[in-house]
Amino acid sequence: TLHDPLDEAGVRARLRHNVRMLDGVADALVLQASASD
């Protein structure tokens, strides 16, 4: 979806969605790391 044509509102929504997604990825990785420590 990197080349998706987005309007002004769409770019804002995409960035906010991606930051929320990064939060979720971070949580999954923390859980995976906790198996080691």
PDB file of all heavy atoms in Angstrom:
ATOM      1  N   THR A   1       0.809  -1.223   0.000  1.00  0.00           N
ATOM      2  CA  THR A   1       0.000   0.000   0.000  1.00  0.00           C
ATOM      3  C   THR A   1       0.846   1.279   0.000  1.00  0.00           C
ATOM      4  O   THR A   1       0.289   2.376   0.121  1.00  0.00           O
ATOM      5  CB  THR A   1      -0.931   0.015   1.231  1.00  0.00           C
ATOM      6  OG1 THR A   1      -0.147  -0.092   2.434  1.00  0.00           O
ATOM      7  CG2 THR A   1      -1.912  -1.145   1.179  1.00  0.00           C
ATOM      8  N   LEU A   2       2.163   1.153  -0.160  1.00  0.00           N
ATOM      9  CA  LEU A   2       3.015   2.345  -0.098  1.00  0.00           C
ATOM     10  C   LEU A   2       2.678   3.356  -1.181  1.00  0.00           C
ATOM     11  O   LEU A   2       2.819   4.563  -0.972  1.00  0.00           O
ATOM     12  CB  LEU A   2       4.491   1.940  -0.211  1.00  0.00           C
ATOM     13  CG  LEU A   2       5.117   1.317   1.037  1.00  0.00           C
ATOM     14  CD1 LEU A   2       6.535   0.824   0.743  1.00  0.00           C
ATOM     15  CD2 LEU A   2       5.141   2.320   2.192  1.00  0.00           C
ATOM     16  N   HIS A   3       2.236   2.899  -2.338  1.00  0.00           N
ATOM     17  CA  HIS A   3       1.940   3.813  -3.440  1.00  0.00           C
ATOM     18  C   HIS A   3       0.468   4.232  -3.493  1.00  0.00           C
ATOM     19  O   HIS A   3       0.036   4.864  -4.464  1.00  0.00           O
ATOM     20  CB  HIS A   3       2.337   3.189  -4.780  1.00  0.00           C
ATOM     21  CG  HIS A   3       3.797   3.299  -5.081  1.00  0.00           C
ATOM     22  ND1 HIS A   3       4.456   2.427  -5.931  1.00  0.00           N
ATOM     23  CD2 HIS A   3       4.739   4.162  -4.647  1.00  0.00           C
ATOM     24  CE1 HIS A   3       5.727   2.758  -6.003  1.00  0.00           C
ATOM     25  NE2 HIS A   3       5.917   3.805  -5.236  1.00  0.00           N
ATOM     26  N   ASP A   4      -0.298   3.915  -2.461  1.00  0.00           N
ATOM     27  CA  ASP A   4      -1.708   4.314  -2.457  1.00  0.00           C
ATOM     28  C   ASP A   4      -1.839   5.830  -2.604  1.00  0.00           C
ATOM     29  O   ASP A   4      -1.191   6.585  -1.854  1.00  0.00           O
ATOM     30  CB  ASP A   4      -2.383   3.903  -1.142  1.00  0.00           C
ATOM     31  CG  ASP A   4      -2.678   2.419  -1.073  1.00  0.00           C
ATOM     32  OD1 ASP A   4      -2.413   1.711  -2.063  1.00  0.00           O
ATOM     33  OD2 ASP A   4      -3.164   1.967  -0.017  1.00  0.00           O
ATOM     34  N   PRO A   5      -2.657   6.306  -3.536  1.00  0.00           N
ATOM     35  CA  PRO A   5      -2.919   7.755  -3.605  1.00  0.00           C
ATOM     36  C   PRO A   5      -3.867   8.153  -2.478  1.00  0.00           C
ATOM     37  O   PRO A   5      -4.983   7.641  -2.387  1.00  0.00           O
ATOM     38  CB  PRO A   5      -3.564   7.928  -4.986  1.00  0.00           C
ATOM     39  CG  PRO A   5      -4.164   6.587  -5.292  1.00  0.00           C
ATOM     40  CD  PRO A   5      -3.321   5.552  -4.606  1.00  0.00           C
ATOM     41  N   LEU A   6      -3.429   9.050  -1.617  1.00  0.00           N
ATOM     42  CA  LEU A   6      -4.229   9.453  -0.460  1.00  0.00           C
ATOM     43  C   LEU A   6      -4.448  10.962  -0.476  1.00  0.00           C
ATOM     44  O   LEU A   6      -3.546  11.733  -0.826  1.00  0.00           O
ATOM     45  CB  LEU A   6      -3.513   9.070   0.842  1.00  0.00           C
ATOM     46  CG  LEU A   6      -3.197   7.582   1.053  1.00  0.00           C
ATOM     47  CD1 LEU A   6      -2.362   7.397   2.311  1.00  0.00           C
ATOM     48  CD2 LEU A   6      -4.483   6.774   1.129  1.00  0.00           C
ATOM     49  N   ASP A   7      -5.639  11.380  -0.073  1.00  0.00           N
ATOM     50  CA  ASP A   7      -5.873  12.811   0.085  1.00  0.00           C
ATOM     51  C   ASP A   7      -5.385  13.248   1.461  1.00  0.00           C
ATOM     52  O   ASP A   7      -4.825  12.452   2.229  1.00  0.00           O
ATOM     53  CB  ASP A   7      -7.356  13.148  -0.114  1.00  0.00           C
ATOM     54  CG  ASP A   7      -8.276  12.426   0.872  1.00  0.00           C
ATOM     55  OD1 ASP A   7      -7.781  11.900   1.905  1.00  0.00           O
ATOM     56  OD2 ASP A   7      -9.493  12.384   0.614  1.00  0.00           O
ATOM     57  N   GLU A   8      -5.593  14.521   1.773  1.00  0.00           N
ATOM     58  CA  GLU A   8      -5.085  15.084   3.033  1.00  0.00           C
ATOM     59  C   GLU A   8      -5.561  14.279   4.237  1.00  0.00           C
ATOM     60  O   GLU A   8      -4.767  13.900   5.105  1.00  0.00           O
ATOM     61  CB  GLU A   8      -5.554  16.538   3.157  1.00  0.00           C
ATOM     62  CG  GLU A   8      -4.884  17.320   4.275  1.00  0.00           C
ATOM     63  CD  GLU A   8      -3.539  17.884   3.870  1.00  0.00           C
ATOM     64  OE1 GLU A   8      -3.252  17.945   2.666  1.00  0.00           O
ATOM     65  OE2 GLU A   8      -2.766  18.259   4.770  1.00  0.00           O
ATOM     66  N   ALA A   9      -6.846  14.010   4.295  1.00  0.00           N
ATOM     67  CA  ALA A   9      -7.395  13.252   5.421  1.00  0.00           C
ATOM     68  C   ALA A   9      -6.875  11.820   5.414  1.00  0.00           C
ATOM     69  O   ALA A   9      -6.612  11.231   6.476  1.00  0.00           O
ATOM     70  CB  ALA A   9      -8.927  13.254   5.366  1.00  0.00           C
ATOM     71  N   GLY A  10      -6.689  11.273   4.226  1.00  0.00           N
ATOM     72  CA  GLY A  10      -6.210   9.906   4.125  1.00  0.00           C
ATOM     73  C   GLY A  10      -4.790   9.735   4.632  1.00  0.00           C
ATOM     74  O   GLY A  10      -4.462   8.717   5.257  1.00  0.00           O
ATOM     75  N   VAL A  11      -3.933  10.706   4.378  1.00  0.00           N
ATOM     76  CA  VAL A  11      -2.547  10.621   4.867  1.00  0.00           C
ATOM     77  C   VAL A  11      -2.534  10.679   6.384  1.00  0.00           C
ATOM     78  O   VAL A  11      -1.817   9.911   7.046  1.00  0.00           O
ATOM     79  CB  VAL A  11      -1.684  11.751   4.274  1.00  0.00           C
ATOM     80  CG1 VAL A  11      -0.249  11.641   4.786  1.00  0.00           C
ATOM     81  CG2 VAL A  11      -1.694  11.704   2.754  1.00  0.00           C
ATOM     82  N   ARG A  12      -3.333  11.582   6.963  1.00  0.00           N
ATOM     83  CA  ARG A  12      -3.392  11.679   8.430  1.00  0.00           C
ATOM     84  C   ARG A  12      -3.883  10.347   9.009  1.00  0.00           C
ATOM     85  O   ARG A  12      -3.308   9.839   9.979  1.00  0.00           O
ATOM     86  CB  ARG A  12      -4.351  12.795   8.856  1.00  0.00           C
ATOM     87  CG  ARG A  12      -3.902  14.196   8.508  1.00  0.00           C
ATOM     88  CD  ARG A  12      -4.785  15.200   9.238  1.00  0.00           C
ATOM     89  NE  ARG A  12      -4.642  16.529   8.670  1.00  0.00           N
ATOM     90  CZ  ARG A  12      -5.442  17.050   7.745  1.00  0.00           C
ATOM     91  NH1 ARG A  12      -6.467  16.325   7.262  1.00  0.00           N
ATOM     92  NH2 ARG A  12      -5.242  18.263   7.295  1.00  0.00           N
ATOM     93  N   ALA A  13      -4.939   9.804   8.428  1.00  0.00           N
ATOM     94  CA  ALA A  13      -5.496   8.548   8.936  1.00  0.00           C
ATOM     95  C   ALA A  13      -4.492   7.412   8.801  1.00  0.00           C
ATOM     96  O   ALA A  13      -4.369   6.567   9.695  1.00  0.00           O
ATOM     97  CB  ALA A  13      -6.791   8.224   8.194  1.00  0.00           C
ATOM     98  N   ARG A  14      -3.761   7.371   7.680  1.00  0.00           N
ATOM     99  CA  ARG A  14      -2.788   6.304   7.462  1.00  0.00           C
ATOM    100  C   ARG A  14      -1.668   6.368   8.509  1.00  0.00           C
ATOM    101  O   ARG A  14      -1.285   5.338   9.084  1.00  0.00           O
ATOM    102  CB  ARG A  14      -2.213   6.429   6.046  1.00  0.00           C
ATOM    103  CG  ARG A  14      -1.036   5.505   5.730  1.00  0.00           C
ATOM    104  CD  ARG A  14      -1.416   4.042   5.659  1.00  0.00           C
ATOM    105  NE  ARG A  14      -2.399   3.756   4.652  1.00  0.00           N
ATOM    106  CZ  ARG A  14      -2.130   3.586   3.341  1.00  0.00           C
ATOM    107  NH1 ARG A  14      -0.900   3.715   2.901  1.00  0.00           N
ATOM    108  NH2 ARG A  14      -3.102   3.289   2.507  1.00  0.00           N
ATOM    109  N   LEU A  15      -1.147   7.549   8.751  1.00  0.00           N
ATOM    110  CA  LEU A  15      -0.068   7.677   9.735  1.00  0.00           C
ATOM    111  C   LEU A  15      -0.544   7.293  11.130  1.00  0.00           C
ATOM    112  O   LEU A  15       0.159   6.592  11.866  1.00  0.00           O
ATOM    113  CB  LEU A  15       0.486   9.103   9.738  1.00  0.00           C
ATOM    114  CG  LEU A  15       1.653   9.382   8.790  1.00  0.00           C
ATOM    115  CD1 LEU A  15       1.988  10.867   8.791  1.00  0.00           C
ATOM    116  CD2 LEU A  15       2.881   8.567   9.167  1.00  0.00           C
ATOM    117  N   ARG A  16      -1.735   7.749  11.505  1.00  0.00           N
ATOM    118  CA  ARG A  16      -2.256   7.414  12.837  1.00  0.00           C
ATOM    119  C   ARG A  16      -2.496   5.908  12.953  1.00  0.00           C
ATOM    120  O   ARG A  16      -2.198   5.302  13.995  1.00  0.00           O
ATOM    121  CB  ARG A  16      -3.532   8.215  13.105  1.00  0.00           C
ATOM    122  CG  ARG A  16      -3.236   9.691  13.360  1.00  0.00           C
ATOM    123  CD  ARG A  16      -4.473  10.552  13.436  1.00  0.00           C
ATOM    124  NE  ARG A  16      -4.104  11.933  13.748  1.00  0.00           N
ATOM    125  CZ  ARG A  16      -4.706  13.000  13.246  1.00  0.00           C
ATOM    126  NH1 ARG A  16      -5.732  12.852  12.397  1.00  0.00           N
ATOM    127  NH2 ARG A  16      -4.306  14.212  13.574  1.00  0.00           N
ATOM    128  N   HIS A  17      -3.014   5.315  11.891  1.00  0.00           N
ATOM    129  CA  HIS A  17      -3.213   3.865  11.893  1.00  0.00           C
ATOM    130  C   HIS A  17      -1.875   3.148  12.044  1.00  0.00           C
ATOM    131  O   HIS A  17      -1.751   2.171  12.803  1.00  0.00           O
ATOM    132  CB  HIS A  17      -3.891   3.434  10.594  1.00  0.00           C
ATOM    133  CG  HIS A  17      -3.921   1.946  10.392  1.00  0.00           C
ATOM    134  ND1 HIS A  17      -2.901   1.262   9.744  1.00  0.00           N
ATOM    135  CD2 HIS A  17      -4.827   1.009  10.769  1.00  0.00           C
ATOM    136  CE1 HIS A  17      -3.175  -0.025   9.739  1.00  0.00           C
ATOM    137  NE2 HIS A  17      -4.344  -0.211  10.334  1.00  0.00           N
ATOM    138  N   ASN A  18      -0.859   3.613  11.336  1.00  0.00           N
ATOM    139  CA  ASN A  18       0.434   2.942  11.380  1.00  0.00           C
ATOM    140  C   ASN A  18       1.099   3.063  12.742  1.00  0.00           C
ATOM    141  O   ASN A  18       1.776   2.130  13.195  1.00  0.00           O
ATOM    142  CB  ASN A  18       1.353   3.493  10.293  1.00  0.00           C
ATOM    143  CG  ASN A  18       0.943   3.039   8.896  1.00  0.00           C
ATOM    144  OD1 ASN A  18       0.075   2.171   8.752  1.00  0.00           O
ATOM    145  ND2 ASN A  18       1.555   3.618   7.892  1.00  0.00           N
ATOM    146  N   VAL A  19       0.925   4.193  13.410  1.00  0.00           N
ATOM    147  CA  VAL A  19       1.488   4.329  14.753  1.00  0.00           C
ATOM    148  C   VAL A  19       0.794   3.366  15.717  1.00  0.00           C
ATOM    149  O   VAL A  19       1.438   2.736  16.566  1.00  0.00           O
ATOM    150  CB  VAL A  19       1.401   5.789  15.246  1.00  0.00           C
ATOM    151  CG1 VAL A  19       1.834   5.902  16.710  1.00  0.00           C
ATOM    152  CG2 VAL A  19       2.280   6.693  14.373  1.00  0.00           C
ATOM    153  N   ARG A  20      -0.521   3.208  15.575  1.00  0.00           N
ATOM    154  CA  ARG A  20      -1.231   2.221  16.402  1.00  0.00           C
ATOM    155  C   ARG A  20      -0.744   0.810  16.086  1.00  0.00           C
ATOM    156  O   ARG A  20      -0.583  -0.023  16.991  1.00  0.00           O
ATOM    157  CB  ARG A  20      -2.743   2.323  16.174  1.00  0.00           C
ATOM    158  CG  ARG A  20      -3.368   3.593  16.740  1.00  0.00           C
ATOM    159  CD  ARG A  20      -4.891   3.482  16.772  1.00  0.00           C
ATOM    160  NE  ARG A  20      -5.466   3.290  15.445  1.00  0.00           N
ATOM    161  CZ  ARG A  20      -5.823   4.282  14.626  1.00  0.00           C
ATOM    162  NH1 ARG A  20      -5.647   5.545  14.996  1.00  0.00           N
ATOM    163  NH2 ARG A  20      -6.366   4.009  13.442  1.00  0.00           N
ATOM    164  N   MET A  21      -0.518   0.539  14.806  1.00  0.00           N
ATOM    165  CA  MET A  21      -0.003  -0.765  14.407  1.00  0.00           C
ATOM    166  C   MET A  21       1.362  -1.017  15.033  1.00  0.00           C
ATOM    167  O   MET A  21       1.641  -2.122  15.530  1.00  0.00           O
ATOM    168  CB  MET A  21       0.112  -0.837  12.886  1.00  0.00           C
ATOM    169  CG  MET A  21       0.784  -2.104  12.362  1.00  0.00           C
ATOM    170  SD  MET A  21       1.577  -1.846  10.752  1.00  0.00           S
ATOM    171  CE  MET A  21       2.892  -0.711  11.191  1.00  0.00           C
ATOM    172  N   LEU A  22       2.237  -0.005  15.033  1.00  0.00           N
ATOM    173  CA  LEU A  22       3.560  -0.157  15.641  1.00  0.00           C
ATOM    174  C   LEU A  22       3.450  -0.461  17.126  1.00  0.00           C
ATOM    175  O   LEU A  22       4.239  -1.245  17.670  1.00  0.00           O
ATOM    176  CB  LEU A  22       4.399   1.104  15.406  1.00  0.00           C
ATOM    177  CG  LEU A  22       4.886   1.315  13.965  1.00  0.00           C
ATOM    178  CD1 LEU A  22       5.505   2.702  13.815  1.00  0.00           C
ATOM    179  CD2 LEU A  22       5.889   0.244  13.564  1.00  0.00           C
ATOM    180  N   ASP A  23       2.481   0.153  17.789  1.00  0.00           N
ATOM    181  CA  ASP A  23       2.236  -0.187  19.199  1.00  0.00           C
ATOM    182  C   ASP A  23       1.952  -1.674  19.353  1.00  0.00           C
ATOM    183  O   ASP A  23       2.469  -2.342  20.259  1.00  0.00           O
ATOM    184  CB  ASP A  23       1.036   0.612  19.740  1.00  0.00           C
ATOM    185  CG  ASP A  23       1.434   1.963  20.286  1.00  0.00           C
ATOM    186  OD1 ASP A  23       2.607   2.124  20.678  1.00  0.00           O
ATOM    187  OD2 ASP A  23       0.575   2.853  20.325  1.00  0.00           O
ATOM    188  N   GLY A  24       1.109  -2.205  18.464  1.00  0.00           N
ATOM    189  CA  GLY A  24       0.759  -3.621  18.552  1.00  0.00           C
ATOM    190  C   GLY A  24       1.941  -4.525  18.253  1.00  0.00           C
ATOM    191  O   GLY A  24       2.155  -5.549  18.927  1.00  0.00           O
ATOM    192  N   VAL A  25       2.736  -4.172  17.242  1.00  0.00           N
ATOM    193  CA  VAL A  25       3.931  -4.956  16.927  1.00  0.00           C
ATOM    194  C   VAL A  25       4.901  -4.937  18.103  1.00  0.00           C
ATOM    195  O   VAL A  25       5.489  -5.963  18.470  1.00  0.00           O
ATOM    196  CB  VAL A  25       4.606  -4.423  15.648  1.00  0.00           C
ATOM    197  CG1 VAL A  25       5.933  -5.138  15.389  1.00  0.00           C
ATOM    198  CG2 VAL A  25       3.683  -4.582  14.439  1.00  0.00           C
ATOM    199  N   ALA A  26       5.057  -3.768  18.718  1.00  0.00           N
ATOM    200  CA  ALA A  26       5.954  -3.648  19.868  1.00  0.00           C
ATOM    201  C   ALA A  26       5.507  -4.551  21.008  1.00  0.00           C
ATOM    202  O   ALA A  26       6.324  -5.245  21.636  1.00  0.00           O
ATOM    203  CB  ALA A  26       6.008  -2.193  20.337  1.00  0.00           C
ATOM    204  N   ASP A  27       4.205  -4.579  21.285  1.00  0.00           N
ATOM    205  CA  ASP A  27       3.703  -5.441  22.356  1.00  0.00           C
ATOM    206  C   ASP A  27       3.982  -6.910  22.069  1.00  0.00           C
ATOM    207  O   ASP A  27       4.355  -7.681  22.956  1.00  0.00           O
ATOM    208  CB  ASP A  27       2.202  -5.225  22.539  1.00  0.00           C
ATOM    209  CG  ASP A  27       1.878  -3.904  23.215  1.00  0.00           C
ATOM    210  OD1 ASP A  27       2.812  -3.283  23.764  1.00  0.00           O
ATOM    211  OD2 ASP A  27       0.701  -3.500  23.192  1.00  0.00           O
ATOM    212  N   ALA A  28       3.778  -7.326  20.810  1.00  0.00           N
ATOM    213  CA  ALA A  28       4.037  -8.716  20.449  1.00  0.00           C
ATOM    214  C   ALA A  28       5.503  -9.074  20.634  1.00  0.00           C
ATOM    215  O   ALA A  28       5.849 -10.160  21.118  1.00  0.00           O
ATOM    216  CB  ALA A  28       3.605  -8.957  19.005  1.00  0.00           C
ATOM    217  N   LEU A  29       6.375  -8.148  20.293  1.00  0.00           N
ATOM    218  CA  LEU A  29       7.805  -8.417  20.429  1.00  0.00           C
ATOM    219  C   LEU A  29       8.233  -8.448  21.896  1.00  0.00           C
ATOM    220  O   LEU A  29       9.102  -9.244  22.282  1.00  0.00           O
ATOM    221  CB  LEU A  29       8.608  -7.368  19.656  1.00  0.00           C
ATOM    222  CG  LEU A  29       8.500  -7.474  18.130  1.00  0.00           C
ATOM    223  CD1 LEU A  29       9.179  -6.303  17.462  1.00  0.00           C
ATOM    224  CD2 LEU A  29       9.080  -8.786  17.634  1.00  0.00           C
ATOM    225  N   VAL A  30       7.643  -7.585  22.703  1.00  0.00           N
ATOM    226  CA  VAL A  30       7.948  -7.616  24.139  1.00  0.00           C
ATOM    227  C   VAL A  30       7.542  -8.961  24.728  1.00  0.00           C
ATOM    228  O   VAL A  30       8.278  -9.563  25.528  1.00  0.00           O
ATOM    229  CB  VAL A  30       7.248  -6.456  24.871  1.00  0.00           C
ATOM    230  CG1 VAL A  30       7.334  -6.645  26.386  1.00  0.00           C
ATOM    231  CG2 VAL A  30       7.877  -5.127  24.480  1.00  0.00           C
ATOM    232  N   LEU A  31       6.386  -9.455  24.342  1.00  0.00           N
ATOM    233  CA  LEU A  31       5.932 -10.753  24.849  1.00  0.00           C
ATOM    234  C   LEU A  31       6.876 -11.866  24.411  1.00  0.00           C
ATOM    235  O   LEU A  31       7.215 -12.767  25.181  1.00  0.00           O
ATOM    236  CB  LEU A  31       4.518 -11.025  24.353  1.00  0.00           C
ATOM    237  CG  LEU A  31       3.856 -12.300  24.898  1.00  0.00           C
ATOM    238  CD1 LEU A  31       3.719 -12.227  26.416  1.00  0.00           C
ATOM    239  CD2 LEU A  31       2.490 -12.495  24.255  1.00  0.00           C
ATOM    240  N   GLN A  32       7.324 -11.799  23.158  1.00  0.00           N
ATOM    241  CA  GLN A  32       8.267 -12.802  22.656  1.00  0.00           C
ATOM    242  C   GLN A  32       9.589 -12.715  23.420  1.00  0.00           C
ATOM    243  O   GLN A  32      10.179 -13.739  23.779  1.00  0.00           O
ATOM    244  CB  GLN A  32       8.494 -12.581  21.160  1.00  0.00           C
ATOM    245  CG  GLN A  32       9.289 -13.672  20.474  1.00  0.00           C
ATOM    246  CD  GLN A  32       9.290 -13.503  18.969  1.00  0.00           C
ATOM    247  OE1 GLN A  32       8.340 -12.962  18.382  1.00  0.00           O
ATOM    248  NE2 GLN A  32      10.338 -13.960  18.320  1.00  0.00           N
ATOM    249  N   ALA A  33      10.054 -11.498  23.679  1.00  0.00           N
ATOM    250  CA  ALA A  33      11.317 -11.323  24.409  1.00  0.00           C
ATOM    251  C   ALA A  33      11.208 -11.824  25.835  1.00  0.00           C
ATOM    252  O   ALA A  33      12.186 -12.346  26.400  1.00  0.00           O
ATOM    253  CB  ALA A  33      11.719  -9.850  24.406  1.00  0.00           C
ATOM    254  N   SER A  34      10.037 -11.689  26.440  1.00  0.00           N
ATOM    255  CA  SER A  34       9.871 -12.075  27.840  1.00  0.00           C
ATOM    256  C   SER A  34      10.025 -13.576  28.051  1.00  0.00           C
ATOM    257  O   SER A  34      10.269 -14.027  29.171  1.00  0.00           O
ATOM    258  CB  SER A  34       8.507 -11.615  28.356  1.00  0.00           C
ATOM    259  OG  SER A  34       7.455 -12.342  27.742  1.00  0.00           O
ATOM    260  N   ALA A  35       9.919 -14.362  26.975  1.00  0.00           N
ATOM    261  CA  ALA A  35      10.169 -15.798  27.103  1.00  0.00           C
ATOM    262  C   ALA A  35      11.627 -16.068  27.437  1.00  0.00           C
ATOM    263  O   ALA A  35      11.952 -17.075  28.065  1.00  0.00           O
ATOM    264  CB  ALA A  35       9.781 -16.511  25.810  1.00  0.00           C
ATOM    265  N   SER A  36      12.507 -15.151  27.040  1.00  0.00           N
ATOM    266  CA  SER A  36      13.924 -15.283  27.371  1.00  0.00           C
ATOM    267  C   SER A  36      14.238 -14.710  28.737  1.00  0.00           C
ATOM    268  O   SER A  36      15.114 -15.218  29.445  1.00  0.00           O
ATOM    269  CB  SER A  36      14.767 -14.563  26.309  1.00  0.00           C
ATOM    270  OG  SER A  36      14.559 -15.129  25.034  1.00  0.00           O
ATOM    271  N   ASP A  37      13.544 -13.632  29.105  1.00  0.00           N
ATOM    272  CA  ASP A  37      13.783 -12.989  30.395  1.00  0.00           C
ATOM    273  C   ASP A  37      12.481 -12.324  30.821  1.00  0.00           C
ATOM    274  O   ASP A  37      12.082 -11.310  30.243  1.00  0.00           O
ATOM    275  CB  ASP A  37      14.902 -11.953  30.286  1.00  0.00           C
ATOM    276  CG  ASP A  37      15.261 -11.331  31.628  1.00  0.00           C
ATOM    277  OD1 ASP A  37      14.493 -11.496  32.598  1.00  0.00           O
ATOM    278  OD2 ASP A  37      16.306 -10.672  31.716  1.00  0.00           O
TER     279      ASP A  37
END
